[in-house]
């Protein structure tokens, strides 16, 4: 009975986080694109928080589900866009979730998310070089010329913004789920102390820094 209850709670929370991730995708569509085709959406924030709660496999599951829903409903990039969404989100969420699973402290969260920003940016340089020519119908040389000047700074900015948002939103989201009795109370003193005032200042600084970079790339400022 206890295991059944845990399974039902897991499915309920995972379903809710899938829904929140898709809402984040919709919100991201009102944000201007970079270079006319690179779009920012904050779903990675929800996906990495899911990984912090349940582990990296849950991040992968939510990434696949939401990317498929996006492809079938609002996306115009088809299977190529779906694959790129899954790769990008997993490259960001999985490293952070792995590190945080082993080090459930503010240091673990920062190290994991910092690693995720680097991994995702590097990963998407490779995948954009390989896949983008097919679904955009352009020469590979044209894509190659944009790797260092467009794709890399965009993904670094995107990752940095999502890192800052994840650090700020983890505690409120987990707190709300615990109040709804969808998650058990924290049994770790270290975890209770993960998010403090100093940590919030760091998160806000990271968010503002990379948000400014993203706005520059969008041509807003």
Protein backbone atom coordinates (compact mmCIF):
# COMPACT_ATOMS: atom_id res chain seq x y z
CA UNK A 1 0.00 0.00 0.00
CA UNK A 2 2.82 2.41 0.85
CA UNK A 3 4.61 1.69 -2.42
CA UNK A 4 1.35 2.18 -4.31
CA UNK A 5 0.87 5.57 -2.63
CA UNK A 6 4.41 6.61 -3.56
CA UNK A 7 3.81 5.56 -7.17
CA UNK A 8 0.57 7.55 -7.38
CA UNK A 9 2.27 10.61 -5.87
CA UNK A 10 5.15 10.27 -8.32
CA UNK A 11 2.79 10.10 -11.28
CA UNK A 12 0.77 13.05 -10.00
CA UNK A 13 3.82 15.24 -9.44
CA UNK A 14 5.40 14.21 -12.73
CA UNK A 15 2.16 14.99 -14.57
CA UNK A 16 1.96 18.41 -12.92
CA UNK A 17 5.56 19.18 -13.82
CA UNK A 18 4.91 18.10 -17.42
CA UNK A 19 1.99 20.53 -17.53
CA UNK A 20 4.08 23.34 -16.04
CA UNK A 21 6.84 22.63 -18.55
CA UNK A 22 4.42 22.95 -21.45
CA UNK A 23 3.03 26.19 -20.03
CA UNK A 24 6.63 27.43 -19.89
CA UNK A 25 7.00 26.55 -23.58
CA UNK A 26 3.91 28.64 -24.38
CA UNK A 27 5.21 31.57 -22.34
CA UNK A 28 8.54 31.39 -24.13
CA UNK A 29 6.86 31.88 -27.49
CA UNK A 30 6.17 35.54 -26.72
CA UNK A 31 9.91 36.21 -26.27
CA UNK A 32 11.76 37.51 -29.36
CA UNK A 33 13.97 35.05 -31.24
CA UNK A 34 17.72 35.30 -31.62
CA UNK A 35 18.97 35.46 -35.21
CA UNK A 36 15.38 35.00 -36.36
CA UNK A 37 15.08 31.31 -35.44
CA UNK A 38 16.63 30.54 -32.04
CA UNK A 39 13.88 30.70 -29.42
CA UNK A 40 14.21 30.78 -25.65
CA UNK A 41 11.76 28.90 -23.48
CA UNK A 42 12.02 28.29 -19.74
CA UNK A 43 10.80 24.68 -19.66
CA UNK A 44 14.32 23.50 -18.77
CA UNK A 45 13.83 25.17 -15.39
CA UNK A 46 10.91 22.89 -14.54
CA UNK A 47 12.63 19.83 -15.98
CA UNK A 48 15.79 20.32 -13.91
CA UNK A 49 13.73 20.92 -10.77
CA UNK A 50 12.02 17.59 -11.47
CA UNK A 51 15.48 16.06 -11.64
CA UNK A 52 16.41 17.63 -8.31
CA UNK A 53 13.31 16.07 -6.76
CA UNK A 54 13.31 12.60 -8.32
CA UNK A 55 16.61 12.17 -10.13
CA UNK A 56 17.90 12.43 -13.72
CA UNK A 57 15.63 9.76 -15.21
CA UNK A 58 12.56 11.85 -14.40
CA UNK A 59 14.14 14.79 -16.21
CA UNK A 60 14.55 12.61 -19.30
CA UNK A 61 10.95 11.35 -19.11
CA UNK A 62 9.47 14.85 -18.80
CA UNK A 63 11.74 16.18 -21.55
CA UNK A 64 10.58 13.50 -23.98
CA UNK A 65 6.88 13.86 -23.10
CA UNK A 66 6.80 17.65 -23.35
CA UNK A 67 8.88 17.75 -26.55
CA UNK A 68 6.54 15.26 -28.21
CA UNK A 69 3.48 17.25 -27.13
CA UNK A 70 5.11 20.43 -28.43
CA UNK A 71 5.88 18.77 -31.79
CA UNK A 72 2.30 17.55 -32.17
CA UNK A 73 0.64 20.82 -31.17
CA UNK A 74 2.49 24.10 -31.63
CA UNK A 75 5.88 23.38 -33.20
CA UNK A 76 6.65 23.96 -36.87
CA UNK A 77 10.04 22.21 -36.85
CA UNK A 78 8.76 18.63 -36.85
CA UNK A 79 10.86 15.65 -35.72
CA UNK A 80 14.13 17.57 -36.09
CA UNK A 81 12.94 20.23 -33.66
CA UNK A 82 11.66 17.56 -31.28
CA UNK A 83 15.04 15.81 -31.26
CA UNK A 84 16.87 19.09 -30.68
CA UNK A 85 14.51 19.98 -27.83
CA UNK A 86 15.07 16.64 -26.13
CA UNK A 87 18.84 16.79 -26.52
CA UNK A 88 19.05 20.39 -25.29
CA UNK A 89 16.82 19.87 -22.27
CA UNK A 90 18.48 16.59 -21.24
CA UNK A 91 21.95 18.08 -21.67
CA UNK A 92 20.94 20.84 -19.26
CA UNK A 93 18.86 18.91 -16.72
CA UNK A 94 20.63 15.56 -16.41
CA UNK A 95 24.14 16.72 -15.32
CA UNK A 96 22.67 19.02 -12.65
CA UNK A 97 20.35 16.27 -11.39
CA UNK A 98 23.23 13.78 -11.16
CA UNK A 99 25.43 16.17 -9.19
CA UNK A 100 22.60 17.27 -6.89
CA UNK A 101 21.63 13.67 -6.19
CA UNK A 102 25.11 13.12 -4.75
CA UNK A 103 25.49 16.56 -3.12
CA UNK A 104 22.17 17.91 -1.84
CA UNK A 105 23.50 21.30 -0.72
CA UNK A 106 23.63 24.81 -2.17
CA UNK A 107 27.15 24.00 -3.37
CA UNK A 108 25.87 20.92 -5.16
CA UNK A 109 23.08 22.89 -6.82
CA UNK A 110 25.46 25.59 -8.06
CA UNK A 111 28.11 23.13 -9.24
CA UNK A 112 25.53 20.93 -10.96
CA UNK A 113 23.79 23.78 -12.74
CA UNK A 114 27.08 25.42 -13.74
CA UNK A 115 28.19 22.13 -15.25
CA UNK A 116 24.84 21.87 -17.03
CA UNK A 117 25.25 25.27 -18.66
CA UNK A 118 28.64 24.25 -20.07
CA UNK A 119 27.51 20.77 -21.14
CA UNK A 120 24.36 22.05 -22.83
CA UNK A 121 26.16 24.85 -24.69
CA UNK A 122 28.90 22.51 -25.93
CA UNK A 123 26.41 19.78 -26.82
CA UNK A 124 24.21 22.12 -28.84
CA UNK A 125 27.15 23.45 -30.83
CA UNK A 126 27.74 19.89 -32.06
CA UNK A 127 24.06 19.08 -32.62
CA UNK A 128 23.36 22.36 -34.40
CA UNK A 129 26.30 21.68 -36.70
CA UNK A 130 24.94 18.21 -37.51
CA UNK A 131 21.16 18.69 -37.57
CA UNK A 132 20.41 22.35 -38.37
CA UNK A 133 21.37 22.14 -42.08
CA UNK A 134 18.71 19.46 -42.60
CA UNK A 135 15.68 21.14 -41.08
CA UNK A 136 16.59 24.70 -42.08
CA UNK A 137 17.64 23.75 -45.60
CA UNK A 138 20.95 25.65 -45.49
CA UNK A 139 24.54 24.72 -46.26
CA UNK A 140 26.60 23.27 -43.42
CA UNK A 141 29.26 25.93 -43.99
CA UNK A 142 26.68 28.61 -43.22
CA UNK A 143 25.80 26.90 -39.94
CA UNK A 144 29.50 26.43 -39.11
CA UNK A 145 30.09 30.16 -39.47
CA UNK A 146 27.41 30.80 -36.82
CA UNK A 147 28.56 28.31 -34.20
CA UNK A 148 30.87 30.63 -32.26
CA UNK A 149 29.01 33.87 -32.90
CA UNK A 150 25.36 32.82 -32.58
CA UNK A 151 24.74 29.29 -31.28
CA UNK A 152 27.34 29.23 -28.49
CA UNK A 153 26.52 32.63 -26.91
CA UNK A 154 22.78 31.96 -27.24
CA UNK A 155 22.99 28.61 -25.46
CA UNK A 156 25.28 30.00 -22.76
CA UNK A 157 22.82 32.84 -22.15
CA UNK A 158 19.84 30.48 -22.22
CA UNK A 159 21.55 28.08 -19.81
CA UNK A 160 22.57 30.88 -17.46
CA UNK A 161 19.05 32.32 -17.29
CA UNK A 162 17.62 28.87 -16.63
CA UNK A 163 20.23 28.25 -13.96
CA UNK A 164 19.26 31.43 -12.12
CA UNK A 165 15.55 30.67 -12.41
CA UNK A 166 16.02 27.09 -11.19
CA UNK A 167 17.93 28.27 -8.12
CA UNK A 168 15.19 30.77 -7.31
CA UNK A 169 12.17 28.57 -8.01
CA UNK A 170 13.23 25.22 -6.55
CA UNK A 171 12.30 26.02 -2.96
CA UNK A 172 8.87 27.58 -3.75
CA UNK A 173 7.88 24.69 -6.04
CA UNK A 174 9.03 21.98 -3.64
CA UNK A 175 7.43 23.84 -0.73
CA UNK A 176 4.10 24.00 -2.55
CA UNK A 177 4.25 20.28 -3.38
CA UNK A 178 5.00 19.46 0.27
CA UNK A 179 2.11 21.59 1.49
CA UNK A 180 -0.13 19.69 -0.91
CA UNK A 181 1.27 16.46 0.60
CA UNK A 182 2.54 15.35 -2.79
CA UNK A 183 6.10 15.20 -1.45
CA UNK A 184 7.27 14.00 1.98
CA UNK A 185 8.77 16.49 4.45
CA UNK A 186 12.50 17.03 4.11
CA UNK A 187 14.48 14.61 6.25
CA UNK A 188 17.81 16.26 5.56
CA UNK A 189 19.05 19.25 7.54
CA UNK A 190 21.50 19.96 4.72
CA UNK A 191 18.66 20.14 2.22
CA UNK A 192 16.68 22.49 4.47
CA UNK A 193 19.61 24.91 4.43
CA UNK A 194 20.22 24.78 0.68
CA UNK A 195 18.43 28.03 -0.08
CA UNK A 196 19.36 30.94 2.16
CA UNK A 197 19.65 34.71 1.70
CA UNK A 198 23.20 34.61 0.33
CA UNK A 199 22.25 31.86 -2.05
CA UNK A 200 19.30 33.92 -3.31
CA UNK A 201 21.61 36.87 -4.00
CA UNK A 202 23.90 34.62 -6.05
CA UNK A 203 20.92 33.24 -7.98
CA UNK A 204 19.60 36.73 -8.76
CA UNK A 205 23.06 37.87 -9.89
CA UNK A 206 23.37 34.90 -12.23
CA UNK A 207 19.87 35.45 -13.60
CA UNK A 208 20.38 39.17 -14.24
CA UNK A 209 23.79 38.70 -15.85
CA UNK A 210 22.67 36.10 -18.35
CA UNK A 211 19.29 37.77 -18.91
CA UNK A 212 21.15 40.90 -20.02
CA UNK A 213 23.28 38.80 -22.37
CA UNK A 214 20.16 37.18 -23.80
CA UNK A 215 18.53 40.59 -24.33
CA UNK A 216 21.64 41.77 -26.15
CA UNK A 217 21.54 38.73 -28.43
CA UNK A 218 17.84 39.37 -29.10
CA UNK A 219 18.64 42.96 -30.07
CA UNK A 220 16.40 44.34 -27.35
CA UNK A 221 19.24 46.34 -25.78
